[in-house]
């Protein structure tokens, strides 16, 4: 049985942000994550470089179906 996750954004105010030129500024940082509803415990996935927050869909849907899962989407 497969379930579709919901997409969420959370904004963290006044965070240091490193710009492309190396300068650091203060401002809001917006993070994106995917959430599969289910029972505890909550399982957190963090992907490697060059991947995305949905790269673990198959594992989550087949091996962890029914658990509460959060997968961060580092863009």
Protein backbone atom coordinates (compact mmCIF):
# COMPACT_ATOMS: atom_id res chain seq x y z
CA UNK A 1 0.00 0.00 0.00
CA UNK A 2 1.42 3.39 -1.02
CA UNK A 3 0.70 6.80 0.43
CA UNK A 4 1.42 10.25 -0.93
CA UNK A 5 3.27 12.70 1.29
CA UNK A 6 2.26 16.29 1.90
CA UNK A 7 4.58 19.18 1.09
CA UNK A 8 5.40 21.71 3.82
CA UNK A 9 7.48 24.86 4.17
CA UNK A 10 8.76 26.33 7.41
CA UNK A 11 10.37 29.76 7.69
CA UNK A 12 13.06 30.45 10.28
CA UNK A 13 13.37 34.22 10.86
CA UNK A 14 16.67 36.11 11.21
CA UNK A 15 19.04 33.34 10.19
CA UNK A 16 22.55 33.96 8.82
CA UNK A 17 22.56 33.24 5.10
CA UNK A 18 25.76 32.85 3.07
CA UNK A 19 25.42 34.43 -0.36
CA UNK A 20 27.04 33.09 -3.56
CA UNK A 21 29.80 35.71 -3.26
CA UNK A 22 30.66 34.51 0.28
CA UNK A 23 29.07 37.42 2.14
CA UNK A 24 26.84 36.65 5.11
CA UNK A 25 23.51 38.41 5.55
CA UNK A 26 20.63 38.08 8.02
CA UNK A 27 17.22 37.09 6.79
CA UNK A 28 14.50 34.46 6.77
CA UNK A 29 15.48 30.92 5.80
CA UNK A 30 12.77 28.83 4.14
CA UNK A 31 13.06 25.05 4.52
CA UNK A 32 11.03 22.48 2.59
CA UNK A 33 10.10 18.99 3.77
CA UNK A 34 7.79 16.10 2.88
CA UNK A 35 5.63 14.38 5.50
CA UNK A 36 4.00 10.95 5.51
CA UNK A 37 1.36 10.71 8.22
CA UNK A 38 1.45 7.68 10.48
CA UNK A 39 2.17 6.39 13.95
CA UNK A 40 5.16 7.14 16.16
CA UNK A 41 8.10 7.04 16.25
CA UNK A 42 8.85 9.77 13.72
CA UNK A 43 11.57 8.77 11.26
CA UNK A 44 13.70 11.53 9.72
CA UNK A 45 15.39 11.20 6.31
CA UNK A 46 18.14 13.53 5.07
CA UNK A 47 19.31 12.97 1.51
CA UNK A 48 22.84 13.16 0.13
CA UNK A 49 24.15 15.73 -2.35
CA UNK A 50 22.49 15.79 -5.79
CA UNK A 51 19.32 14.08 -4.52
CA UNK A 52 15.96 15.40 -3.33
CA UNK A 53 13.47 14.84 -0.49
CA UNK A 54 11.48 12.25 -2.44
CA UNK A 55 14.39 9.95 -3.35
CA UNK A 56 13.42 7.57 -0.50
CA UNK A 57 9.76 7.16 -1.57
CA UNK A 58 10.12 3.44 -2.29
CA UNK A 59 11.74 2.65 1.07
CA UNK A 60 9.20 4.76 2.94
CA UNK A 61 6.20 3.24 1.17
CA UNK A 62 7.38 -0.37 1.28
CA UNK A 63 9.41 -0.79 4.48
CA UNK A 64 8.09 2.06 6.63
CA UNK A 65 4.44 2.22 5.57
CA UNK A 66 2.29 3.41 8.45
CA UNK A 67 5.07 5.29 10.26
CA UNK A 68 5.28 9.05 10.62
CA UNK A 69 8.13 10.03 8.28
CA UNK A 70 9.68 13.41 7.52
CA UNK A 71 12.08 13.80 4.60
CA UNK A 72 14.02 17.07 4.35
CA UNK A 73 14.42 18.62 0.93
CA UNK A 74 17.77 20.40 0.77
CA UNK A 75 17.62 22.60 -2.30
